[in-house]
Amino acid sequence: MRVVYMGTPDFAVGTLEAILAAGHEVVGVVTQQDKPVGRKQELKPTAVKACALAHNLPVYQPAKVRNNPEFFETLKELAPEVIVVAAYGQIIPKEVLELPKYGCLNVHASLLPKYRGAAPIQWAVIDGEEKSGVTIMQMNEGLDTGDMIAKTELTLDAEETGGSLFDRLAEAGAKLLVETLVKVEQGDIHPEPQPAESTTPYARMITKNDGRIDWNSSAVAIERLVRGLNPWPSAFTSLNGKGLKIWKSQVVTENTGQEKAPGCVLAAGAEGLDVQTGDGVLRITELQLEGKKRMAAGDFLRGHGIPAGTVFGV
C-alpha cells in the first residue's frame, strides 16, 4: 500500500521500519520540527526523521497540521491509501483523517479504552497495572476514541520500568501494525467501538515535576513511581539542598506505621538506604546525587555519609 507515516519519538521508529520491511511504499514521513538541545541549542532531528532520512524517504515537518491548506495539498498529492500515526504529537484534523482510502490508523501504547492520552506507558507502571499492550485504532476526531481494530497484550514484569515497557510495546506495536495492514487491505477487519468513557484516568503528559517524591505516599506507590519514570524524567528528592535522583528501589516493609517522619532515613548500609514513607519502608538501592554519577547505594555511601535520622526532601 501507499503509506504516509506520521510519528516523532523513538517509539515510532520500529513501526516505520517494519512497514518498509513488509514491502509497503512509504511515500512520505511527517514528523515534528527539529528542536534545539544542549548548551549550544543545536537543532536535533526527531528519531523518526533520522530514520526516514536513512531510508531516503521524503520528510515533511509542518509546524501545525490543523488549518494548514498547504500541507493538506501536499498530502493530496502524495495520495496515500492509508496514513499510519504513531506518537506523532499533534491532533489530526478531520480532512486528513478522511483523505486516505483506508483512513488513519493509530498505534496506541495501551489496551484502549484504558489510558487514553500522551503518556500511557509511564502511567501504566506508576499505577501498578499488571498488563499493558498496544491497540491499533481507526482514528476519529476525538482523543484516542476511535474504533479498535486490533490488540496485543503484554504482562508487566515485577521490575518493569517505563523504559523497558516502552521498548517492548514499540516492538509489539510494529508487528501488530504490519499484520493489521494486511487485514485492512483484504477487508478482514471488525472494528469495535470504544465506550464513551475510559476505564482509567486520562494519561496526561509527564512533566519533570511529576518525579518529585512525596514521602507521605506509600512505599509501594513510590517504588512504582521510581520504575515508571525511569529513564525520564526520573523520580527525585533532595539531600542537603542538592537534587538526588532515585533510580532503583524496593519495598522492604509495608504497614509498619509511622515510627519516624516520612522521608527520614532509618538505616544506611551496603544493601541501601531504608527510608520511612507514609506507609511502609522503601529501600533505595541505586541513586545519583546532583553533579555525580549514577551508582549503587552501597558504593555511594562509602563516599557520602548519610546517618540515620537524615530527612530527605527538606
C-alpha atoms as a PDB file:
ATOM      1  CA  MET A   1       0.000   0.000   0.000  1.00  0.00           C
ATOM      2  CA  ARG A   2       0.927   3.652  -0.409  1.00  0.00           C
ATOM      3  CA  VAL A   3       1.584   4.851   3.137  1.00  0.00           C
ATOM      4  CA  VAL A   4       2.119   8.247   4.689  1.00  0.00           C
ATOM      5  CA  TYR A   5       3.714   7.782   8.096  1.00  0.00           C
ATOM      6  CA  MET A   6       3.300  10.287  10.937  1.00  0.00           C
ATOM      7  CA  GLY A   7       5.448   9.837  14.045  1.00  0.00           C
ATOM      8  CA  THR A   8       8.084  11.542  16.151  1.00  0.00           C
ATOM      9  CA  PRO A   9       9.928   9.749  19.033  1.00  0.00           C
ATOM     10  CA  ASP A  10      11.932   6.527  19.320  1.00  0.00           C
ATOM     11  CA  PHE A  11       8.715   4.608  19.976  1.00  0.00           C
ATOM     12  CA  ALA A  12       7.603   5.262  16.392  1.00  0.00           C
ATOM     13  CA  VAL A  13      10.832   4.230  14.650  1.00  0.00           C
ATOM     14  CA  GLY A  14      10.291   0.476  14.815  1.00  0.00           C
ATOM     15  CA  THR A  15       6.861   0.732  13.215  1.00  0.00           C
ATOM     16  CA  LEU A  16       8.229   2.752  10.297  1.00  0.00           C
ATOM     17  CA  GLU A  17      10.997   0.233   9.738  1.00  0.00           C
ATOM     18  CA  ALA A  18       8.509  -2.655   9.946  1.00  0.00           C
ATOM     19  CA  ILE A  19       6.276  -1.032   7.306  1.00  0.00           C
ATOM     20  CA  LEU A  20       9.263  -0.685   4.982  1.00  0.00           C
ATOM     21  CA  ALA A  21      10.439  -4.239   5.645  1.00  0.00           C
ATOM     22  CA  ALA A  22       6.957  -5.539   4.783  1.00  0.00           C
ATOM     23  CA  GLY A  23       7.267  -4.021   1.317  1.00  0.00           C
ATOM     24  CA  HIS A  24       4.828  -1.135   1.593  1.00  0.00           C
ATOM     25  CA  GLU A  25       5.563   2.081  -0.290  1.00  0.00           C
ATOM     26  CA  VAL A  26       6.133   4.901   2.182  1.00  0.00           C
ATOM     27  CA  VAL A  27       5.522   7.992   0.059  1.00  0.00           C
ATOM     28  CA  GLY A  28       6.130  10.497   2.834  1.00  0.00           C
ATOM     29  CA  VAL A  29       7.057  10.815   6.509  1.00  0.00           C
ATOM     30  CA  VAL A  30       5.551  13.567   8.649  1.00  0.00           C
ATOM     31  CA  THR A  31       7.215  14.412  11.944  1.00  0.00           C
ATOM     32  CA  GLN A  32       7.553  17.258  14.418  1.00  0.00           C
ATOM     33  CA  GLN A  33      10.006  20.066  13.804  1.00  0.00           C
ATOM     34  CA  ASP A  34      13.639  19.799  14.902  1.00  0.00           C
ATOM     35  CA  LYS A  35      14.227  21.080  18.430  1.00  0.00           C
ATOM     36  CA  PRO A  36      17.249  22.845  19.951  1.00  0.00           C
ATOM     37  CA  VAL A  37      19.116  20.748  22.503  1.00  0.00           C
ATOM     38  CA  GLY A  38      22.144  21.114  24.746  1.00  0.00           C
ATOM     39  CA  ARG A  39      24.042  24.174  25.836  1.00  0.00           C
ATOM     40  CA  LYS A  40      24.624  25.261  22.253  1.00  0.00           C
ATOM     41  CA  GLN A  41      20.938  24.783  21.421  1.00  0.00           C
ATOM     42  CA  GLU A  42      21.780  22.977  18.219  1.00  0.00           C
ATOM     43  CA  LEU A  43      18.815  21.680  16.245  1.00  0.00           C
ATOM     44  CA  LYS A  44      18.339  17.942  16.563  1.00  0.00           C
ATOM     45  CA  PRO A  45      16.094  15.929  14.227  1.00  0.00           C
ATOM     46  CA  THR A  46      13.394  13.720  15.671  1.00  0.00           C
ATOM     47  CA  ALA A  47      14.106   9.991  15.873  1.00  0.00           C
ATOM     48  CA  VAL A  48      11.603   9.339  13.082  1.00  0.00           C
ATOM     49  CA  LYS A  49      13.175  11.965  10.841  1.00  0.00           C
ATOM     50  CA  ALA A  50      16.613  10.418  11.321  1.00  0.00           C
ATOM     51  CA  CYS A  51      15.196   7.008  10.396  1.00  0.00           C
ATOM     52  CA  ALA A  52      13.376   8.395   7.344  1.00  0.00           C
ATOM     53  CA  LEU A  53      16.474  10.152   6.030  1.00  0.00           C
ATOM     54  CA  ALA A  54      18.496   6.961   6.486  1.00  0.00           C
ATOM     55  CA  HIS A  55      15.998   5.263   4.152  1.00  0.00           C
ATOM     56  CA  ASN A  56      15.971   8.211   1.712  1.00  0.00           C
ATOM     57  CA  LEU A  57      12.315   8.955   2.386  1.00  0.00           C
ATOM     58  CA  PRO A  58      10.804  12.422   1.858  1.00  0.00           C
ATOM     59  CA  VAL A  59      10.234  14.198   5.185  1.00  0.00           C
ATOM     60  CA  TYR A  60       7.653  16.882   5.986  1.00  0.00           C
ATOM     61  CA  GLN A  61       7.705  18.935   9.193  1.00  0.00           C
ATOM     62  CA  PRO A  62       4.760  21.328   9.336  1.00  0.00           C
ATOM     63  CA  ALA A  63       4.562  23.463  12.468  1.00  0.00           C
ATOM     64  CA  LYS A  64       0.849  22.592  12.553  1.00  0.00           C
ATOM     65  CA  VAL A  65      -1.253  20.157  10.563  1.00  0.00           C
ATOM     66  CA  ARG A  66      -4.558  21.802  11.504  1.00  0.00           C
ATOM     67  CA  ASN A  67      -5.717  24.781   9.444  1.00  0.00           C
ATOM     68  CA  ASN A  68      -2.808  24.239   7.085  1.00  0.00           C
ATOM     69  CA  PRO A  69      -4.107  24.198   3.481  1.00  0.00           C
ATOM     70  CA  GLU A  70      -0.605  23.954   2.025  1.00  0.00           C
ATOM     71  CA  PHE A  71       0.183  20.794   3.979  1.00  0.00           C
ATOM     72  CA  PHE A  72      -3.194  19.283   3.079  1.00  0.00           C
ATOM     73  CA  GLU A  73      -2.498  19.872  -0.614  1.00  0.00           C
ATOM     74  CA  THR A  74       0.847  18.139  -0.188  1.00  0.00           C
ATOM     75  CA  LEU A  75      -0.904  15.147   1.357  1.00  0.00           C
ATOM     76  CA  LYS A  76      -3.377  15.010  -1.526  1.00  0.00           C
ATOM     77  CA  GLU A  77      -0.502  14.974  -3.997  1.00  0.00           C
ATOM     78  CA  LEU A  78       1.105  12.079  -2.099  1.00  0.00           C
ATOM     79  CA  ALA A  79      -2.192  10.187  -2.495  1.00  0.00           C
ATOM     80  CA  PRO A  80      -1.773   7.725   0.378  1.00  0.00           C
ATOM     81  CA  GLU A  81      -4.064   4.727   0.633  1.00  0.00           C
ATOM     82  CA  VAL A  82      -3.555   4.794   4.396  1.00  0.00           C
ATOM     83  CA  ILE A  83      -1.970   7.123   6.937  1.00  0.00           C
ATOM     84  CA  VAL A  84      -0.272   5.435   9.896  1.00  0.00           C
ATOM     85  CA  VAL A  85       0.167   7.517  13.055  1.00  0.00           C
ATOM     86  CA  ALA A  86       2.399   6.564  15.997  1.00  0.00           C
ATOM     87  CA  ALA A  87       3.095   9.095  18.754  1.00  0.00           C
ATOM     88  CA  TYR A  88       3.075  11.984  16.296  1.00  0.00           C
ATOM     89  CA  GLY A  89       2.256  14.663  18.850  1.00  0.00           C
ATOM     90  CA  GLN A  90      -0.432  16.718  17.119  1.00  0.00           C
ATOM     91  CA  ILE A  91      -4.188  16.372  16.720  1.00  0.00           C
ATOM     92  CA  ILE A  92      -5.051  15.210  13.213  1.00  0.00           C
ATOM     93  CA  PRO A  93      -7.861  17.254  11.582  1.00  0.00           C
ATOM     94  CA  LYS A  94     -10.966  15.745  10.006  1.00  0.00           C
ATOM     95  CA  GLU A  95      -9.967  16.437   6.409  1.00  0.00           C
ATOM     96  CA  VAL A  96      -6.719  14.499   6.890  1.00  0.00           C
ATOM     97  CA  LEU A  97      -8.484  11.627   8.674  1.00  0.00           C
ATOM     98  CA  GLU A  98     -10.869  11.246   5.742  1.00  0.00           C
ATOM     99  CA  LEU A  99      -8.323  11.653   2.943  1.00  0.00           C
ATOM    100  CA  PRO A 100      -6.931   8.106   2.522  1.00  0.00           C
ATOM    101  CA  LYS A 101      -8.983   5.186   1.218  1.00  0.00           C
ATOM    102  CA  TYR A 102      -8.396   3.246   4.445  1.00  0.00           C
ATOM    103  CA  GLY A 103      -8.345   6.254   6.768  1.00  0.00           C
ATOM    104  CA  CYS A 104      -5.794   6.874   9.508  1.00  0.00           C
ATOM    105  CA  LEU A 105      -4.577   4.040  11.731  1.00  0.00           C
ATOM    106  CA  ASN A 106      -3.069   4.866  15.107  1.00  0.00           C
ATOM    107  CA  VAL A 107      -0.586   2.716  17.039  1.00  0.00           C
ATOM    108  CA  HIS A 108      -1.506   3.450  20.659  1.00  0.00           C
ATOM    109  CA  ALA A 109       0.543   2.036  23.535  1.00  0.00           C
ATOM    110  CA  SER A 110      -2.278   0.905  25.809  1.00  0.00           C
ATOM    111  CA  LEU A 111      -5.173  -1.510  25.911  1.00  0.00           C
ATOM    112  CA  LEU A 112      -7.839   1.006  24.968  1.00  0.00           C
ATOM    113  CA  PRO A 113     -10.123   2.281  26.334  1.00  0.00           C
ATOM    114  CA  LYS A 114      -7.560   2.316  29.171  1.00  0.00           C
ATOM    115  CA  TYR A 115      -5.003   5.108  29.231  1.00  0.00           C
ATOM    116  CA  ARG A 116      -6.133   7.431  26.502  1.00  0.00           C
ATOM    117  CA  GLY A 117      -3.606  10.233  26.294  1.00  0.00           C
ATOM    118  CA  ALA A 118       0.021  11.150  25.741  1.00  0.00           C
ATOM    119  CA  ALA A 119       1.828   9.011  28.341  1.00  0.00           C
ATOM    120  CA  PRO A 120       0.085   5.624  28.647  1.00  0.00           C
ATOM    121  CA  ILE A 121       3.327   3.695  29.153  1.00  0.00           C
ATOM    122  CA  GLN A 122       4.602   5.543  32.209  1.00  0.00           C
ATOM    123  CA  TRP A 123       1.188   5.744  33.878  1.00  0.00           C
ATOM    124  CA  ALA A 124       0.591   2.009  33.473  1.00  0.00           C
ATOM    125  CA  VAL A 125       3.739   1.329  35.517  1.00  0.00           C
ATOM    126  CA  ILE A 126       3.071   4.096  38.041  1.00  0.00           C
ATOM    127  CA  ASP A 127      -0.478   2.838  38.596  1.00  0.00           C
ATOM    128  CA  GLY A 128       0.667  -0.730  39.137  1.00  0.00           C
ATOM    129  CA  GLU A 129      -1.091  -2.285  36.150  1.00  0.00           C
ATOM    130  CA  GLU A 130      -0.431  -5.994  35.709  1.00  0.00           C
ATOM    131  CA  LYS A 131      -0.951  -5.848  31.935  1.00  0.00           C
ATOM    132  CA  SER A 132      -0.491  -3.367  29.135  1.00  0.00           C
ATOM    133  CA  GLY A 133      -0.387  -3.628  25.372  1.00  0.00           C
ATOM    134  CA  VAL A 134      -0.926  -1.952  22.025  1.00  0.00           C
ATOM    135  CA  THR A 135      -4.165  -1.078  20.283  1.00  0.00           C
ATOM    136  CA  ILE A 136      -4.454  -0.323  16.567  1.00  0.00           C
ATOM    137  CA  MET A 137      -7.243   2.204  16.271  1.00  0.00           C
ATOM    138  CA  GLN A 138      -9.149   3.749  13.368  1.00  0.00           C
ATOM    139  CA  MET A 139      -8.698   7.402  14.210  1.00  0.00           C
ATOM    140  CA  ASN A 140     -11.559   9.855  14.595  1.00  0.00           C
ATOM    141  CA  GLU A 141     -11.664  13.460  15.760  1.00  0.00           C
ATOM    142  CA  GLY A 142     -11.620  12.526  19.451  1.00  0.00           C
ATOM    143  CA  LEU A 143      -8.593  11.943  21.680  1.00  0.00           C
ATOM    144  CA  ASP A 144      -7.872   8.211  21.314  1.00  0.00           C
ATOM    145  CA  THR A 145     -11.583   7.442  20.986  1.00  0.00           C
ATOM    146  CA  GLY A 146     -11.704   5.754  17.563  1.00  0.00           C
ATOM    147  CA  ASP A 147     -12.824   2.219  16.820  1.00  0.00           C
ATOM    148  CA  MET A 148     -10.427  -0.515  17.930  1.00  0.00           C
ATOM    149  CA  ILE A 149      -9.197  -2.801  15.127  1.00  0.00           C
ATOM    150  CA  ALA A 150      -6.552  -4.988  16.776  1.00  0.00           C
ATOM    151  CA  LYS A 151      -4.869  -5.507  20.148  1.00  0.00           C
ATOM    152  CA  THR A 152      -1.860  -7.285  21.579  1.00  0.00           C
ATOM    153  CA  GLU A 153      -1.326  -7.757  25.313  1.00  0.00           C
ATOM    154  CA  LEU A 154       1.812  -7.901  27.468  1.00  0.00           C
ATOM    155  CA  THR A 155       2.285  -8.809  31.132  1.00  0.00           C
ATOM    156  CA  LEU A 156       4.359  -6.340  33.125  1.00  0.00           C
ATOM    157  CA  ASP A 157       7.403  -7.687  34.921  1.00  0.00           C
ATOM    158  CA  ALA A 158       7.746  -7.055  38.660  1.00  0.00           C
ATOM    159  CA  GLU A 159      10.739  -4.801  37.887  1.00  0.00           C
ATOM    160  CA  GLU A 160       9.254  -3.228  34.737  1.00  0.00           C
ATOM    161  CA  THR A 161      10.363   0.349  34.121  1.00  0.00           C
ATOM    162  CA  GLY A 162       8.885   2.958  31.834  1.00  0.00           C
ATOM    163  CA  GLY A 163      11.896   2.421  29.579  1.00  0.00           C
ATOM    164  CA  SER A 164      11.665  -1.355  29.382  1.00  0.00           C
ATOM    165  CA  LEU A 165       7.914  -1.276  28.729  1.00  0.00           C
ATOM    166  CA  PHE A 166       8.470   1.419  26.087  1.00  0.00           C
ATOM    167  CA  ASP A 167      10.841  -0.903  24.208  1.00  0.00           C
ATOM    168  CA  ARG A 168       8.582  -3.943  24.490  1.00  0.00           C
ATOM    169  CA  LEU A 169       5.478  -2.077  23.346  1.00  0.00           C
ATOM    170  CA  ALA A 170       7.318  -0.433  20.460  1.00  0.00           C
ATOM    171  CA  GLU A 171       8.321  -3.853  19.151  1.00  0.00           C
ATOM    172  CA  ALA A 172       4.861  -5.327  19.710  1.00  0.00           C
ATOM    173  CA  GLY A 173       3.172  -2.343  18.061  1.00  0.00           C
ATOM    174  CA  ALA A 174       5.343  -2.554  14.955  1.00  0.00           C
ATOM    175  CA  LYS A 175       4.498  -6.225  14.478  1.00  0.00           C
ATOM    176  CA  LEU A 176       0.774  -5.700  15.108  1.00  0.00           C
ATOM    177  CA  LEU A 177       0.531  -2.760  12.724  1.00  0.00           C
ATOM    178  CA  VAL A 178       2.046  -4.698   9.833  1.00  0.00           C
ATOM    179  CA  GLU A 179      -0.322  -7.614  10.481  1.00  0.00           C
ATOM    180  CA  THR A 180      -3.241  -5.183  10.606  1.00  0.00           C
ATOM    181  CA  LEU A 181      -2.345  -3.531   7.284  1.00  0.00           C
ATOM    182  CA  VAL A 182      -2.706  -6.906   5.566  1.00  0.00           C
ATOM    183  CA  LYS A 183      -6.154  -7.404   7.061  1.00  0.00           C
ATOM    184  CA  VAL A 184      -7.214  -3.837   6.234  1.00  0.00           C
ATOM    185  CA  GLU A 185      -6.273  -4.294   2.598  1.00  0.00           C
ATOM    186  CA  GLN A 186      -8.135  -7.620   2.487  1.00  0.00           C
ATOM    187  CA  GLY A 187     -11.206  -6.134   4.148  1.00  0.00           C
ATOM    188  CA  ASP A 188     -10.822  -8.595   7.001  1.00  0.00           C
ATOM    189  CA  ILE A 189     -11.298  -6.251   9.961  1.00  0.00           C
ATOM    190  CA  HIS A 190     -14.050  -5.937  12.519  1.00  0.00           C
ATOM    191  CA  PRO A 191     -13.823  -2.527  14.212  1.00  0.00           C
ATOM    192  CA  GLU A 192     -15.002  -2.405  17.819  1.00  0.00           C
ATOM    193  CA  PRO A 193     -16.373   0.926  19.069  1.00  0.00           C
ATOM    194  CA  GLN A 194     -14.968   2.216  22.330  1.00  0.00           C
ATOM    195  CA  PRO A 195     -17.198   3.155  25.258  1.00  0.00           C
ATOM    196  CA  ALA A 196     -17.731   6.857  25.757  1.00  0.00           C
ATOM    197  CA  GLU A 197     -15.599   6.928  28.905  1.00  0.00           C
ATOM    198  CA  SER A 198     -12.136   5.498  29.502  1.00  0.00           C
ATOM    199  CA  THR A 199     -11.737   2.926  32.277  1.00  0.00           C
ATOM    200  CA  THR A 200      -8.722   4.787  33.713  1.00  0.00           C
ATOM    201  CA  PRO A 201      -7.815   8.454  34.242  1.00  0.00           C
ATOM    202  CA  TYR A 202      -6.544  10.352  31.202  1.00  0.00           C
ATOM    203  CA  ALA A 203      -2.858   9.545  30.710  1.00  0.00           C
ATOM    204  CA  ARG A 204      -1.671  13.130  30.627  1.00  0.00           C
ATOM    205  CA  MET A 205       1.791  14.116  29.500  1.00  0.00           C
ATOM    206  CA  ILE A 206       4.553  13.546  32.063  1.00  0.00           C
ATOM    207  CA  THR A 207       6.492  16.569  33.340  1.00  0.00           C
ATOM    208  CA  LYS A 208       9.752  16.720  35.263  1.00  0.00           C
ATOM    209  CA  ASN A 209       7.897  17.782  38.387  1.00  0.00           C
ATOM    210  CA  ASP A 210       5.941  14.513  38.356  1.00  0.00           C
ATOM    211  CA  GLY A 211       9.159  12.882  39.533  1.00  0.00           C
ATOM    212  CA  ARG A 212       9.247  14.769  42.833  1.00  0.00           C
ATOM    213  CA  ILE A 213       8.792  12.166  45.571  1.00  0.00           C
ATOM    214  CA  ASP A 214       6.132  12.809  48.188  1.00  0.00           C
ATOM    215  CA  TRP A 215       7.394  10.806  51.139  1.00  0.00           C
ATOM    216  CA  ASN A 216       3.899  10.864  52.642  1.00  0.00           C
ATOM    217  CA  SER A 217       2.904   8.426  49.894  1.00  0.00           C
ATOM    218  CA  SER A 218       3.217   4.704  50.494  1.00  0.00           C
ATOM    219  CA  ALA A 219       6.399   2.752  49.835  1.00  0.00           C
ATOM    220  CA  VAL A 220       4.514   0.781  47.170  1.00  0.00           C
ATOM    221  CA  ALA A 221       3.436   3.940  45.343  1.00  0.00           C
ATOM    222  CA  ILE A 222       6.913   5.486  45.451  1.00  0.00           C
ATOM    223  CA  GLU A 223       8.562   2.293  44.193  1.00  0.00           C
ATOM    224  CA  ARG A 224       6.187   2.280  41.220  1.00  0.00           C
ATOM    225  CA  LEU A 225       6.923   5.960  40.581  1.00  0.00           C
ATOM    226  CA  VAL A 226      10.652   5.228  40.528  1.00  0.00           C
ATOM    227  CA  ARG A 227      10.175   2.487  37.939  1.00  0.00           C
ATOM    228  CA  GLY A 228       7.599   4.347  35.859  1.00  0.00           C
ATOM    229  CA  LEU A 229       9.763   7.454  35.468  1.00  0.00           C
ATOM    230  CA  ASN A 230      12.952   5.546  34.660  1.00  0.00           C
ATOM    231  CA  PRO A 231      14.684   6.716  32.459  1.00  0.00           C
ATOM    232  CA  TRP A 232      12.831  10.063  32.137  1.00  0.00           C
ATOM    233  CA  PRO A 233      12.325  12.291  33.972  1.00  0.00           C
ATOM    234  CA  SER A 234      13.317  10.053  36.932  1.00  0.00           C
ATOM    235  CA  ALA A 235      11.990  10.168  40.471  1.00  0.00           C
ATOM    236  CA  PHE A 236      13.874  12.582  42.713  1.00  0.00           C
ATOM    237  CA  THR A 237      14.144  14.100  46.137  1.00  0.00           C
ATOM    238  CA  SER A 238      16.719  16.356  47.783  1.00  0.00           C
ATOM    239  CA  LEU A 239      19.599  15.832  50.186  1.00  0.00           C
ATOM    240  CA  ASN A 240      21.104  18.813  51.984  1.00  0.00           C
ATOM    241  CA  GLY A 241      19.791  21.156  49.302  1.00  0.00           C
ATOM    242  CA  LYS A 242      21.022  19.091  46.335  1.00  0.00           C
ATOM    243  CA  GLY A 243      18.921  17.095  43.925  1.00  0.00           C
ATOM    244  CA  LEU A 244      19.008  13.323  44.408  1.00  0.00           C
ATOM    245  CA  LYS A 245      17.644  11.037  41.685  1.00  0.00           C
ATOM    246  CA  ILE A 246      16.363   7.631  42.736  1.00  0.00           C
ATOM    247  CA  TRP A 247      16.918   5.020  40.022  1.00  0.00           C
ATOM    248  CA  LYS A 248      16.092   1.782  41.801  1.00  0.00           C
ATOM    249  CA  SER A 249      14.259   0.915  44.992  1.00  0.00           C
ATOM    250  CA  GLN A 250      12.286  -1.828  46.669  1.00  0.00           C
ATOM    251  CA  VAL A 251       9.621  -2.135  49.312  1.00  0.00           C
ATOM    252  CA  VAL A 252      11.070  -3.822  52.407  1.00  0.00           C
ATOM    253  CA  THR A 253       8.197  -3.342  54.820  1.00  0.00           C
ATOM    254  CA  GLU A 254       4.549  -2.470  54.459  1.00  0.00           C
ATOM    255  CA  ASN A 255       2.076  -1.144  57.016  1.00  0.00           C
ATOM    256  CA  THR A 256       4.695  -0.525  59.703  1.00  0.00           C
ATOM    257  CA  GLY A 257       3.062   2.596  61.000  1.00  0.00           C
ATOM    258  CA  GLN A 258       4.937   5.882  61.127  1.00  0.00           C
ATOM    259  CA  GLU A 259       7.757   5.217  63.556  1.00  0.00           C
ATOM    260  CA  LYS A 260       9.588   8.207  62.060  1.00  0.00           C
ATOM    261  CA  ALA A 261       8.531  11.152  59.934  1.00  0.00           C
ATOM    262  CA  PRO A 262       8.104  10.374  56.218  1.00  0.00           C
ATOM    263  CA  GLY A 263      11.402  10.898  54.375  1.00  0.00           C
ATOM    264  CA  CYS A 264      13.517  10.009  57.402  1.00  0.00           C
ATOM    265  CA  VAL A 265      16.446   7.627  56.856  1.00  0.00           C
ATOM    266  CA  LEU A 266      16.073   4.662  59.196  1.00  0.00           C
ATOM    267  CA  ALA A 267      19.256   2.822  58.235  1.00  0.00           C
ATOM    268  CA  ALA A 268      22.084   3.097  55.702  1.00  0.00           C
ATOM    269  CA  GLY A 269      24.318   0.202  54.697  1.00  0.00           C
ATOM    270  CA  ALA A 270      25.667  -1.998  51.934  1.00  0.00           C
ATOM    271  CA  GLU A 271      22.165  -3.057  50.854  1.00  0.00           C
ATOM    272  CA  GLY A 272      20.902   0.500  50.543  1.00  0.00           C
ATOM    273  CA  LEU A 273      19.107   3.291  52.325  1.00  0.00           C
ATOM    274  CA  ASP A 274      15.942   2.439  54.240  1.00  0.00           C
ATOM    275  CA  VAL A 275      13.561   5.404  54.292  1.00  0.00           C
ATOM    276  CA  GLN A 276      10.309   5.829  56.179  1.00  0.00           C
ATOM    277  CA  THR A 277       7.315   6.635  53.978  1.00  0.00           C
ATOM    278  CA  GLY A 278       3.721   7.431  54.796  1.00  0.00           C
ATOM    279  CA  ASP A 279       3.045   3.689  54.747  1.00  0.00           C
ATOM    280  CA  GLY A 280       5.932   1.265  54.910  1.00  0.00           C
ATOM    281  CA  VAL A 281       9.677   1.456  54.334  1.00  0.00           C
ATOM    282  CA  LEU A 282      11.383   1.999  50.982  1.00  0.00           C
ATOM    283  CA  ARG A 283      14.921   0.777  50.367  1.00  0.00           C
ATOM    284  CA  ILE A 284      16.854   2.897  47.854  1.00  0.00           C
ATOM    285  CA  THR A 285      19.344   0.688  46.017  1.00  0.00           C
ATOM    286  CA  GLU A 286      20.571   2.939  43.204  1.00  0.00           C
ATOM    287  CA  LEU A 287      20.794   6.719  43.173  1.00  0.00           C
ATOM    288  CA  GLN A 288      22.524   9.762  41.728  1.00  0.00           C
ATOM    289  CA  LEU A 289      23.436  12.926  43.570  1.00  0.00           C
ATOM    290  CA  GLU A 290      23.322  16.155  41.591  1.00  0.00           C
ATOM    291  CA  GLY A 291      26.587  16.541  39.651  1.00  0.00           C
ATOM    292  CA  LYS A 292      27.671  12.950  40.338  1.00  0.00           C
ATOM    293  CA  LYS A 293      27.483   9.599  38.564  1.00  0.00           C
ATOM    294  CA  ARG A 294      24.669   7.117  38.953  1.00  0.00           C
ATOM    295  CA  MET A 295      25.731   4.362  41.344  1.00  0.00           C
ATOM    296  CA  ALA A 296      24.643   1.619  43.698  1.00  0.00           C
ATOM    297  CA  ALA A 297      23.588   2.976  47.089  1.00  0.00           C
ATOM    298  CA  GLY A 298      26.241   0.918  48.916  1.00  0.00           C
ATOM    299  CA  ASP A 299      29.004   2.416  46.747  1.00  0.00           C
ATOM    300  CA  PHE A 300      27.557   5.905  47.193  1.00  0.00           C
ATOM    301  CA  LEU A 301      27.547   5.557  50.976  1.00  0.00           C
ATOM    302  CA  ARG A 302      31.258   4.778  51.075  1.00  0.00           C
ATOM    303  CA  GLY A 303      31.935   8.334  49.953  1.00  0.00           C
ATOM    304  CA  HIS A 304      28.897  10.109  51.372  1.00  0.00           C
ATOM    305  CA  GLY A 305      27.842   9.563  54.946  1.00  0.00           C
ATOM    306  CA  ILE A 306      24.061   9.629  55.384  1.00  0.00           C
ATOM    307  CA  PRO A 307      23.380   8.875  59.043  1.00  0.00           C
ATOM    308  CA  ALA A 308      20.094   7.559  60.346  1.00  0.00           C
ATOM    309  CA  GLY A 309      17.807  10.465  61.106  1.00  0.00           C
ATOM    310  CA  THR A 310      18.655  12.360  57.917  1.00  0.00           C
ATOM    311  CA  VAL A 311      15.464  13.596  56.267  1.00  0.00           C
ATOM    312  CA  PHE A 312      15.086  13.707  52.503  1.00  0.00           C
ATOM    313  CA  GLY A 313      13.181  16.378  50.656  1.00  0.00           C
ATOM    314  CA  VAL A 314      13.643  19.264  53.066  1.00  0.00           C
END
